[in-house]
Amino acid sequence: MIGGERVGGIVAAGGSGTRAGVAKQWLSLGGQTVLRRSAATLAACELVDVLVAVVPPGEEARAAADLAGLGKPVRAVAGGPARADSVKRGLAAADDCALVLVHDAARPFATPALVRAVALAAAAEGAALAALPASDTVKEAAPNAGGAPRAGRTLDRRTLWLAQTPQGFRAEVLRRAFAEAGAAAAEATDECALVERLGLPVALVPGEAGNFKITSAEDVERARARLEAPVAMGVGYDVHPFGPGRRLVLGGVEFEGDGLVGHSDADICAHAIGDAVLGAAGLGDLGRHFPDTDDRWKGVSSLVLLREIARKAAAAGWRVGNCDVTLAARRPKIAPRAEEMRARLAEALGVAPAQVNVKATTGERLGFVGRGEGIAAHAVALLYRAAL
């Protein structure tokens, strides 16, 4: 609250994200969605009382679940065909607030201090926005009859500011701006432009250089570089005992002799690699995704599981760089078929065979491996951050 007046934070997340190639609001950055990161910035400001997330129709429940636990009440509403329609719906959902802040979900790096400064300025002036003074020389393009753009004139950059969000308003001012603009509101690129048309003042609050907007695929990479390591390593380990009447499958290749006991085909080689990939991607372990209580995975080829793991890693923004697995087993002999195993494992992971290595040790007659009671597998995987 500011002076006893409630403050609502509207997160504009109703777009499809076509320019970035992804739905930006659901993109995961450092383990959190862009939507949650932006909403968390508003929630972290002590002046904000309630959050309103405006999302594509049908995704209200998803948004409410994503924003749970931020410490502020959350209202999720469906957006409209244009930005103005979406913000108006957010404004309607914050009808108990005298002051509102509108923040683009695609700006996940604003700080609570900036939110606070804009809110206070809006309370005092009626409208305010975060903005940066132009630091580069600005040219206005001149018409060129369909040819390459040409410089028409140089603008005085001392009078130019680059608009950001959050933008703050007294709610009645923003409602009036929308009402008087009518259908023309859809042409405005931000809400302050509508207030300017009323002839009302809009305060400029110094913005933040890091508060950039995720618009293109290059912006996504910039955001990821800020939050996520470019590479990640995971370790996998698995062990299975021998059991009579079971097929012995290792690395997708069938060998002679008794197989290993397990819920799926017990391909210990694929299991260890899968756990390593899941670990590197921060996605838990094999049991979390393919529990032995789920009959869907009973007897299934572990290469199917490995393909699904690679898909999950890709969805989280990772691609497999290489994998190395060591089997500890007295039998069977691995070396004669190691290349075949590499090829099948690589196909399941969607990589070249050269990116997968398979080797084995006998255990030197020590422990359960040395006694021939089962097989153990150790694997490491290196993942690279995938480019969009």
Protein backbone atom coordinates (compact mmCIF):
# COMPACT_ATOMS: atom_id res chain seq x y z
CA MET A 1 0.00 0.00 0.00
CA ILE A 2 0.93 3.63 -0.48
CA GLY A 3 -0.76 6.04 1.89
CA GLY A 4 -3.49 3.51 2.63
CA GLU A 5 -4.18 2.87 -1.08
CA ARG A 6 -3.87 -0.67 -2.44
CA VAL A 7 -1.39 -1.34 -5.21
CA GLY A 8 -1.94 -4.01 -7.86
CA GLY A 9 0.82 -5.47 -10.01
CA ILE A 10 -0.35 -6.51 -13.49
CA VAL A 11 1.98 -8.88 -15.36
CA ALA A 12 1.27 -8.67 -19.09
CA ALA A 13 1.89 -12.18 -20.41
CA GLY A 14 -0.83 -12.68 -22.99
CA GLY A 15 1.35 -12.86 -26.10
CA SER A 16 2.37 -15.86 -28.19
CA GLY A 17 6.09 -14.99 -28.31
CA THR A 18 6.36 -15.57 -32.06
CA ARG A 19 9.38 -13.31 -32.58
CA ALA A 20 11.42 -15.25 -30.03
CA GLY A 21 10.28 -18.56 -31.50
CA VAL A 22 8.84 -19.67 -28.15
CA ALA A 23 6.04 -18.69 -25.78
CA LYS A 24 8.27 -16.42 -23.71
CA GLN A 25 6.20 -16.42 -20.55
CA TRP A 26 6.64 -20.19 -20.13
CA LEU A 27 10.31 -20.28 -21.05
CA SER A 28 12.41 -21.70 -18.21
CA LEU A 29 15.36 -19.57 -17.11
CA GLY A 30 17.49 -20.94 -14.32
CA GLY A 31 14.71 -23.28 -13.20
CA GLN A 32 11.91 -20.67 -13.16
CA THR A 33 9.58 -19.48 -15.88
CA VAL A 34 9.96 -15.98 -17.27
CA LEU A 35 6.44 -15.29 -15.97
CA ARG A 36 7.34 -16.28 -12.42
CA ARG A 37 10.59 -14.29 -12.45
CA SER A 38 8.78 -11.13 -13.56
CA ALA A 39 5.92 -11.62 -11.13
CA ALA A 40 8.39 -12.32 -8.32
CA THR A 41 9.97 -8.92 -8.92
CA LEU A 42 6.62 -7.23 -8.30
CA ALA A 43 5.85 -9.47 -5.33
CA ALA A 44 9.19 -8.63 -3.72
CA CYS A 45 8.23 -4.94 -3.56
CA GLU A 46 6.60 -4.29 -0.18
CA LEU A 47 4.23 -1.73 -1.73
CA VAL A 48 2.49 -4.28 -4.00
CA ASP A 49 -0.59 -5.91 -2.47
CA VAL A 50 -1.89 -8.22 -5.18
CA LEU A 51 -0.66 -9.72 -8.46
CA VAL A 52 -2.71 -10.10 -11.64
CA ALA A 53 -1.28 -12.32 -14.37
CA VAL A 54 -2.81 -11.80 -17.81
CA VAL A 55 -2.11 -14.91 -19.88
CA PRO A 56 -3.39 -16.53 -23.09
CA PRO A 57 -6.95 -17.83 -22.79
CA GLY A 58 -7.07 -21.32 -21.32
CA GLU A 59 -3.81 -20.96 -19.42
CA GLU A 60 -5.16 -19.26 -16.31
CA ALA A 61 -4.83 -22.36 -14.11
CA ARG A 62 -1.29 -22.93 -15.34
CA ALA A 63 -0.38 -19.36 -14.45
CA ALA A 64 -1.95 -19.57 -10.99
CA ALA A 65 0.00 -22.76 -10.26
CA ASP A 66 3.22 -21.27 -11.59
CA LEU A 67 2.88 -18.20 -9.38
CA ALA A 68 2.00 -20.02 -6.18
CA GLY A 69 4.17 -19.28 -3.17
CA LEU A 70 5.22 -15.73 -4.04
CA GLY A 71 3.77 -14.38 -0.82
CA LYS A 72 1.10 -12.20 -2.46
CA PRO A 73 -2.44 -13.06 -3.63
CA VAL A 74 -2.49 -13.99 -7.33
CA ARG A 75 -5.33 -13.52 -9.81
CA ALA A 76 -4.90 -15.08 -13.25
CA VAL A 77 -7.10 -13.83 -16.10
CA ALA A 78 -7.32 -14.44 -19.84
CA GLY A 79 -5.85 -11.82 -22.13
CA GLY A 80 -7.33 -10.40 -25.31
CA PRO A 81 -6.32 -10.13 -28.97
CA ALA A 82 -4.20 -7.00 -28.44
CA ARG A 83 -2.01 -5.75 -25.61
CA ALA A 84 -4.52 -3.03 -24.74
CA ASP A 85 -7.29 -5.62 -24.39
CA SER A 86 -5.12 -7.72 -22.09
CA VAL A 87 -4.09 -4.82 -19.86
CA LYS A 88 -7.71 -3.64 -19.63
CA ARG A 89 -8.71 -7.10 -18.40
CA GLY A 90 -5.90 -7.02 -15.88
CA LEU A 91 -7.05 -3.60 -14.74
CA ALA A 92 -10.58 -4.91 -14.29
CA ALA A 93 -9.25 -7.79 -12.17
CA ALA A 94 -7.47 -5.24 -9.95
CA ASP A 95 -10.61 -3.19 -9.40
CA ASP A 96 -9.96 -2.96 -5.66
CA CYS A 97 -6.62 -1.19 -6.24
CA ALA A 98 -6.24 2.59 -6.44
CA LEU A 99 -2.80 2.24 -8.03
CA VAL A 100 -1.66 -0.27 -10.63
CA LEU A 101 1.69 -1.25 -12.07
CA VAL A 102 1.89 -2.80 -15.53
CA HIS A 103 4.97 -4.92 -16.14
CA ASP A 104 5.89 -6.98 -19.20
CA ALA A 105 6.46 -10.62 -18.36
CA ALA A 106 9.20 -10.49 -20.98
CA ARG A 107 11.29 -8.25 -18.69
CA PRO A 108 12.32 -10.72 -15.96
CA PHE A 109 15.36 -8.75 -14.74
CA ALA A 110 13.80 -5.60 -13.30
CA THR A 111 14.50 -5.12 -9.60
CA PRO A 112 12.11 -4.55 -6.69
CA ALA A 113 13.81 -1.18 -6.14
CA LEU A 114 12.75 -0.06 -9.61
CA VAL A 115 9.19 -1.28 -8.98
CA ARG A 116 9.11 0.75 -5.78
CA ALA A 117 10.41 3.91 -7.46
CA VAL A 118 7.81 3.71 -10.25
CA ALA A 119 4.98 3.02 -7.79
CA LEU A 120 5.86 6.05 -5.66
CA ALA A 121 6.20 8.29 -8.71
CA ALA A 122 2.83 7.13 -10.06
CA ALA A 123 1.17 7.80 -6.70
CA ALA A 124 2.57 11.34 -6.72
CA GLU A 125 2.18 12.23 -10.41
CA GLY A 126 -0.68 10.04 -11.63
CA ALA A 127 1.46 8.13 -14.14
CA ALA A 128 5.11 7.09 -14.35
CA LEU A 129 7.37 4.74 -16.24
CA ALA A 130 10.86 3.33 -16.00
CA ALA A 131 13.02 4.60 -18.87
CA LEU A 132 16.64 5.00 -19.90
CA PRO A 133 18.05 8.13 -21.54
CA ALA A 134 19.28 7.37 -25.07
CA SER A 135 23.04 6.91 -25.06
CA ASP A 136 23.54 6.45 -28.81
CA THR A 137 23.04 8.96 -31.59
CA VAL A 138 19.53 8.47 -32.93
CA LYS A 139 18.69 8.75 -36.64
CA GLU A 140 15.27 9.16 -38.19
CA ALA A 141 14.94 7.19 -41.42
CA ALA A 142 13.91 8.95 -44.62
CA PRO A 143 11.66 7.40 -47.29
CA ASN A 144 13.59 5.80 -50.16
CA ALA A 145 10.97 4.39 -52.56
CA GLY A 146 11.47 0.78 -51.50
CA GLY A 147 15.27 0.93 -51.42
CA ALA A 148 17.61 0.57 -48.48
CA PRO A 149 16.78 2.87 -45.54
CA ARG A 150 18.56 6.21 -45.51
CA ALA A 151 19.20 8.63 -42.69
CA GLY A 152 16.81 11.55 -42.82
CA ARG A 153 17.86 13.57 -39.82
CA THR A 154 19.64 13.25 -36.50
CA LEU A 155 17.46 13.64 -33.42
CA ASP A 156 18.60 15.33 -30.24
CA ARG A 157 19.25 12.36 -27.99
CA ARG A 158 19.26 14.61 -24.92
CA THR A 159 15.47 14.67 -25.15
CA LEU A 160 15.03 10.96 -25.93
CA TRP A 161 14.32 8.21 -23.42
CA LEU A 162 13.84 4.48 -24.05
CA ALA A 163 10.71 3.21 -22.34
CA GLN A 164 10.74 0.15 -20.10
CA THR A 165 8.34 -1.41 -17.65
CA PRO A 166 7.06 -1.34 -14.99
CA GLN A 167 4.76 1.56 -15.73
CA GLY A 168 2.56 2.84 -12.94
CA PHE A 169 -0.79 4.65 -12.84
CA ARG A 170 -3.55 5.83 -10.68
CA ALA A 171 -6.22 3.34 -11.71
CA GLU A 172 -8.77 6.02 -12.62
CA VAL A 173 -6.22 7.71 -14.90
CA LEU A 174 -5.55 4.48 -16.80
CA ARG A 175 -9.26 3.67 -17.07
CA ARG A 176 -9.92 7.13 -18.51
CA ALA A 177 -7.02 6.75 -20.96
CA PHE A 178 -8.43 3.48 -22.28
CA ALA A 179 -11.97 4.87 -22.49
CA GLU A 180 -11.01 7.98 -24.44
CA ALA A 181 -8.68 6.10 -26.80
CA GLY A 182 -11.39 3.58 -27.69
CA ALA A 183 -10.38 1.22 -30.50
CA ALA A 184 -7.23 3.28 -31.11
CA ALA A 185 -5.81 1.93 -27.84
CA ALA A 186 -4.76 -1.19 -29.73
CA GLU A 187 -2.25 0.90 -31.70
CA ALA A 188 -0.38 2.09 -28.60
CA THR A 189 2.82 0.22 -27.77
CA ASP A 190 2.55 1.05 -24.09
CA GLU A 191 -0.01 2.41 -21.65
CA CYS A 192 1.80 5.68 -20.97
CA ALA A 193 1.23 6.68 -24.59
CA LEU A 194 -2.50 6.63 -23.89
CA VAL A 195 -2.07 8.85 -20.83
CA GLU A 196 0.07 11.25 -22.87
CA ARG A 197 -2.84 11.64 -25.31
CA LEU A 198 -4.93 12.98 -22.43
CA GLY A 199 -2.37 15.72 -21.91
CA LEU A 200 -1.58 14.44 -18.43
CA PRO A 201 1.96 14.30 -17.03
CA VAL A 202 3.97 11.07 -17.05
CA ALA A 203 6.97 10.97 -14.75
CA LEU A 204 10.21 9.45 -16.02
CA VAL A 205 11.92 7.18 -13.50
CA PRO A 206 15.53 6.19 -14.29
CA GLY A 207 15.40 2.60 -15.49
CA GLU A 208 17.95 -0.18 -15.37
CA ALA A 209 20.30 -1.32 -18.14
CA GLY A 210 19.74 -4.93 -17.15
CA ASN A 211 15.97 -4.59 -17.50
CA PHE A 212 15.97 -5.66 -21.14
CA LYS A 213 12.99 -7.18 -22.92
CA ILE A 214 13.11 -10.73 -24.27
CA THR A 215 11.90 -10.29 -27.83
CA SER A 216 14.12 -12.34 -30.14
CA ALA A 217 15.93 -15.68 -29.95
CA GLU A 218 19.12 -13.70 -29.33
CA ASP A 219 17.48 -12.12 -26.27
CA VAL A 220 16.67 -15.58 -24.95
CA GLU A 221 20.32 -16.56 -25.25
CA ARG A 222 21.34 -13.35 -23.50
CA ALA A 223 18.94 -14.12 -20.66
CA ARG A 224 20.16 -17.68 -20.34
CA ALA A 225 23.78 -16.55 -20.31
CA ARG A 226 22.93 -14.35 -17.35
CA LEU A 227 21.34 -17.13 -15.32
CA GLU A 228 22.55 -20.47 -16.57
CA ALA A 229 25.88 -22.18 -17.11
CA PRO A 230 26.64 -22.98 -20.77
CA VAL A 231 27.53 -26.57 -19.87
CA ALA A 232 26.45 -29.02 -17.20
CA MET A 233 27.73 -32.44 -16.12
CA GLY A 234 25.76 -35.29 -14.60
CA VAL A 235 26.71 -38.63 -13.05
CA GLY A 236 24.67 -41.82 -13.31
CA TYR A 237 24.94 -45.11 -11.45
CA ASP A 238 22.86 -48.28 -11.60
CA VAL A 239 23.12 -51.88 -10.47
CA HIS A 240 21.02 -54.97 -11.29
CA PRO A 241 21.33 -58.63 -10.27
CA PHE A 242 21.23 -61.50 -12.74
CA GLY A 243 17.99 -63.47 -12.93
CA PRO A 244 17.10 -66.67 -14.80
CA GLY A 245 14.72 -66.45 -17.73
CA ARG A 246 15.48 -62.79 -18.44
CA ARG A 247 16.89 -61.34 -21.66
CA LEU A 248 20.31 -59.76 -21.24
CA VAL A 249 20.18 -56.34 -22.92
CA LEU A 250 23.05 -53.89 -22.64
CA GLY A 251 23.18 -50.66 -24.62
CA GLY A 252 20.21 -51.82 -26.69
CA VAL A 253 22.08 -54.98 -27.77
CA GLU A 254 20.99 -58.47 -26.74
CA PHE A 255 23.64 -60.84 -25.37
CA GLU A 256 23.53 -64.56 -24.56
CA GLY A 257 22.98 -65.77 -21.02
CA ASP A 258 20.76 -64.85 -18.11
CA GLY A 259 19.54 -61.30 -18.08
CA LEU A 260 19.21 -58.67 -15.40
CA VAL A 261 16.23 -58.29 -13.08
CA GLY A 262 14.31 -55.03 -13.45
CA HIS A 263 10.96 -53.42 -14.22
CA SER A 264 11.86 -52.54 -17.81
CA ASP A 265 14.31 -54.61 -19.86
CA ALA A 266 16.89 -53.71 -17.17
CA ASP A 267 19.36 -52.27 -19.68
CA ILE A 268 21.74 -51.01 -17.03
CA CYS A 269 23.87 -49.22 -19.59
CA ALA A 270 20.99 -47.08 -20.84
CA HIS A 271 19.79 -46.51 -17.27
CA ALA A 272 23.11 -45.11 -16.08
CA ILE A 273 23.41 -42.80 -19.07
CA GLY A 274 19.81 -41.67 -18.65
CA ASP A 275 20.39 -40.83 -14.99
CA ALA A 276 23.52 -38.88 -15.94
CA VAL A 277 21.61 -36.83 -18.54
CA LEU A 278 18.74 -36.16 -16.13
CA GLY A 279 21.20 -35.09 -13.46
CA ALA A 280 23.04 -32.70 -15.75
CA ALA A 281 19.75 -31.13 -16.83
CA GLY A 282 18.55 -30.82 -13.23
CA LEU A 283 15.58 -33.09 -13.87
CA GLY A 284 15.83 -35.57 -11.02
CA ASP A 285 16.42 -39.25 -11.64
CA LEU A 286 15.13 -42.25 -13.56
CA GLY A 287 12.78 -43.38 -10.79
CA ARG A 288 11.03 -40.01 -10.74
CA HIS A 289 10.12 -40.15 -14.42
CA PHE A 290 9.73 -43.93 -14.93
CA PRO A 291 8.72 -45.45 -11.57
CA ASP A 292 8.58 -49.23 -11.23
CA THR A 293 4.99 -48.83 -10.03
CA ASP A 294 3.90 -47.67 -13.49
CA ASP A 295 2.90 -50.55 -15.78
CA ARG A 296 3.57 -48.41 -18.86
CA TRP A 297 7.27 -49.09 -18.41
CA LYS A 298 7.03 -52.81 -17.56
CA GLY A 299 9.31 -54.73 -19.92
CA VAL A 300 9.83 -51.70 -22.18
CA SER A 301 13.09 -51.19 -24.05
CA SER A 302 15.31 -48.83 -22.08
CA LEU A 303 16.17 -47.11 -25.37
CA VAL A 304 12.58 -45.82 -25.32
CA LEU A 305 13.29 -44.34 -21.90
CA LEU A 306 16.55 -42.84 -23.14
CA ARG A 307 14.76 -41.16 -26.07
CA GLU A 308 12.23 -39.68 -23.67
CA ILE A 309 15.02 -38.46 -21.39
CA ALA A 310 16.75 -36.76 -24.32
CA ARG A 311 13.44 -35.12 -25.22
CA LYS A 312 12.96 -33.87 -21.67
CA ALA A 313 16.49 -32.47 -21.59
CA ALA A 314 15.92 -30.70 -24.91
CA ALA A 315 12.67 -29.21 -23.59
CA ALA A 316 14.68 -27.83 -20.67
CA GLY A 317 17.09 -26.18 -23.12
CA TRP A 318 19.93 -28.73 -23.22
CA ARG A 319 21.59 -30.87 -25.88
CA VAL A 320 23.83 -33.84 -25.26
CA GLY A 321 27.52 -33.17 -25.80
CA ASN A 322 28.91 -36.58 -24.93
CA CYS A 323 28.37 -39.56 -22.63
CA ASP A 324 30.79 -42.10 -21.20
CA VAL A 325 29.66 -45.31 -19.50
CA THR A 326 31.67 -47.99 -17.74
CA LEU A 327 30.16 -51.43 -17.10
CA ALA A 328 31.53 -53.48 -14.21
CA ALA A 329 30.81 -57.10 -15.14
CA ARG A 330 32.52 -60.48 -15.31
CA ARG A 331 30.21 -61.39 -18.16
CA PRO A 332 29.40 -60.95 -20.98
CA LYS A 333 32.35 -59.75 -23.05
CA ILE A 334 31.54 -56.16 -24.01
CA ALA A 335 34.40 -55.20 -26.32
CA PRO A 336 33.29 -57.23 -29.37
CA ARG A 337 29.94 -55.42 -29.48
CA ALA A 338 30.84 -52.04 -28.00
CA GLU A 339 30.53 -50.24 -31.34
CA GLU A 340 27.05 -51.65 -31.87
CA MET A 341 26.07 -50.50 -28.38
CA ARG A 342 27.46 -47.01 -29.04
CA ALA A 343 25.42 -46.72 -32.23
CA ARG A 344 22.14 -47.72 -30.58
CA LEU A 345 22.65 -45.53 -27.53
CA ALA A 346 23.62 -42.59 -29.74
CA GLU A 347 20.51 -43.02 -31.90
CA ALA A 348 18.30 -42.95 -28.82
CA LEU A 349 20.03 -39.79 -27.57
CA GLY A 350 19.89 -38.11 -30.99
CA VAL A 351 23.66 -37.73 -31.29
CA ALA A 352 26.50 -39.23 -33.33
CA PRO A 353 28.12 -42.50 -32.15
CA ALA A 354 31.37 -40.58 -31.64
CA GLN A 355 29.64 -38.73 -28.78
CA VAL A 356 29.02 -41.93 -26.82
CA ASN A 357 31.70 -44.13 -25.28
CA VAL A 358 31.22 -47.64 -23.86
CA LYS A 359 33.82 -49.54 -21.89
CA ALA A 360 33.94 -52.31 -19.30
CA THR A 361 35.92 -53.71 -16.38
CA THR A 362 35.71 -57.13 -14.75
CA GLY A 363 35.78 -55.99 -11.11
CA GLU A 364 38.94 -58.01 -10.47
CA ARG A 365 36.86 -60.73 -8.74
CA LEU A 366 35.90 -58.35 -5.94
CA GLY A 367 32.40 -57.84 -4.53
CA PHE A 368 29.12 -58.86 -6.16
CA VAL A 369 30.52 -58.05 -9.60
CA GLY A 370 33.57 -60.24 -9.02
CA ARG A 371 31.31 -63.05 -7.80
CA GLY A 372 29.24 -62.78 -10.98
CA GLU A 373 26.03 -61.88 -9.15
CA GLY A 374 25.18 -58.81 -11.20
CA ILE A 375 26.38 -55.81 -13.18
CA ALA A 376 27.05 -52.22 -12.17
CA ALA A 377 27.24 -49.22 -14.48
CA HIS A 378 28.79 -45.78 -13.97
CA ALA A 379 28.13 -42.97 -16.48
CA VAL A 380 28.89 -39.31 -16.96
CA ALA A 381 27.17 -36.95 -19.39
CA LEU A 382 28.10 -33.48 -20.56
CA LEU A 383 25.27 -31.25 -21.80
CA TYR A 384 25.49 -27.97 -23.69
CA ARG A 385 22.97 -25.19 -23.51
CA ALA A 386 20.96 -25.54 -26.70
CA ALA A 387 20.65 -22.61 -29.09
CA LEU A 388 17.09 -21.80 -30.17
